[in-house]
Amino acid sequence: MCQTTEEADVAEIDFRNLSSAQRHTKASQIVGDLRAGESFILVNDHDPMPLYSQIQVSYPGEFSWTYLEQGPSIWKVEIAKQFKVA
């Protein structure tokens, strides 16, 4: 994954050619592997809001979710792991 800074490119991962089951499995895997400060851009053909709910249940308060594009045919969301505040 890539740092969420202006100097670094954030990886775009296209989920449109995956089945629904594959999308959630792949997204969960990627999210689980992120380190603090890292992010990726999920590209999808519909609003991935169910994934947001899944992430919030599994990792409450650990990730940000920022819509970059909201349809109608392409949805892009940057998902970033937050730094923990001591």
Protein backbone atom coordinates (compact mmCIF):
# COMPACT_ATOMS: atom_id res chain seq x y z
CA MET A 1 0.00 0.00 0.00
CA CYS A 2 1.03 3.60 -0.30
CA GLN A 3 1.41 6.45 2.16
CA THR A 4 -1.41 8.99 2.18
CA THR A 5 0.80 11.99 1.50
CA GLU A 6 0.81 14.38 -1.40
CA GLU A 7 4.19 13.07 -2.56
CA ALA A 8 3.12 9.41 -2.76
CA ASP A 9 0.75 7.74 -5.18
CA VAL A 10 -2.12 5.85 -3.58
CA ALA A 11 -2.85 2.47 -5.15
CA GLU A 12 -6.18 2.21 -6.96
CA ILE A 13 -7.65 -1.28 -6.78
CA ASP A 14 -10.45 -2.03 -9.23
CA PHE A 15 -13.13 -4.30 -7.76
CA ARG A 16 -15.54 -4.12 -10.72
CA ASN A 17 -14.51 -7.43 -12.30
CA LEU A 18 -14.78 -9.42 -9.04
CA SER A 19 -17.84 -11.27 -7.76
CA SER A 20 -19.57 -9.83 -4.70
CA ALA A 21 -18.05 -12.46 -2.41
CA GLN A 22 -14.57 -11.84 -3.84
CA ARG A 23 -14.94 -8.08 -3.34
CA HIS A 24 -15.55 -8.32 0.38
CA THR A 25 -12.85 -10.94 0.90
CA LYS A 26 -10.26 -8.93 -1.04
CA ALA A 27 -11.21 -5.64 0.63
CA SER A 28 -11.06 -7.20 4.10
CA GLN A 29 -7.64 -8.63 3.32
CA ILE A 30 -6.29 -5.29 2.08
CA VAL A 31 -7.76 -3.34 4.99
CA GLY A 32 -6.33 -5.82 7.49
CA ASP A 33 -2.86 -5.45 5.97
CA LEU A 34 -2.75 -1.64 6.08
CA ARG A 35 -0.37 0.03 8.49
CA ALA A 36 -1.04 3.39 10.14
CA GLY A 37 -0.90 6.15 7.54
CA GLU A 38 -1.39 3.82 4.57
CA SER A 39 -4.39 3.87 2.25
CA PHE A 40 -5.80 2.55 -1.00
CA ILE A 41 -8.51 3.67 -3.39
CA LEU A 42 -11.30 1.19 -3.95
CA VAL A 43 -12.87 1.45 -7.43
CA ASN A 44 -16.35 -0.06 -7.73
CA ASP A 45 -19.46 -0.04 -9.91
CA HIS A 46 -21.81 0.80 -7.02
CA ASP A 47 -21.68 2.45 -3.61
CA PRO A 48 -19.59 0.13 -1.38
CA MET A 49 -21.36 1.32 1.80
CA PRO A 50 -21.90 -2.28 3.09
CA LEU A 51 -18.10 -2.60 3.19
CA TYR A 52 -17.91 0.58 5.27
CA SER A 53 -20.25 -1.00 7.83
CA GLN A 54 -18.15 -4.18 7.86
CA ILE A 55 -14.93 -2.21 8.42
CA GLN A 56 -16.48 -0.20 11.25
CA VAL A 57 -17.58 -3.39 13.03
CA SER A 58 -14.21 -5.12 12.57
CA TYR A 59 -11.98 -2.07 13.18
CA PRO A 60 -14.03 0.57 15.04
CA GLY A 61 -12.56 4.05 14.65
CA GLU A 62 -9.35 2.82 12.99
CA PHE A 63 -10.09 3.83 9.39
CA SER A 64 -11.20 6.86 7.43
CA TRP A 65 -13.55 6.54 4.46
CA THR A 66 -13.44 9.33 1.87
CA TYR A 67 -15.56 9.36 -1.27
CA LEU A 68 -13.55 10.62 -4.24
CA GLU A 69 -16.20 9.85 -6.86
CA GLN A 70 -19.85 8.91 -6.28
CA GLY A 71 -21.33 7.31 -9.37
CA PRO A 72 -23.39 6.86 -11.22
CA SER A 73 -21.18 4.29 -12.98
CA ILE A 74 -17.92 4.53 -11.01
CA TRP A 75 -17.46 4.90 -7.28
CA LYS A 76 -14.05 5.65 -5.77
CA VAL A 77 -13.37 5.58 -2.05
CA GLU A 78 -10.06 6.17 -0.29
CA ILE A 79 -9.77 3.95 2.75
CA ALA A 80 -6.96 4.91 5.13
CA LYS A 81 -5.74 3.46 8.41
CA GLN A 82 -5.52 6.18 11.03
CA PHE A 83 -2.64 6.76 13.41
CA LYS A 84 -3.56 5.79 16.96
CA VAL A 85 -3.57 8.65 19.42
CA ALA A 86 -2.04 7.71 22.78
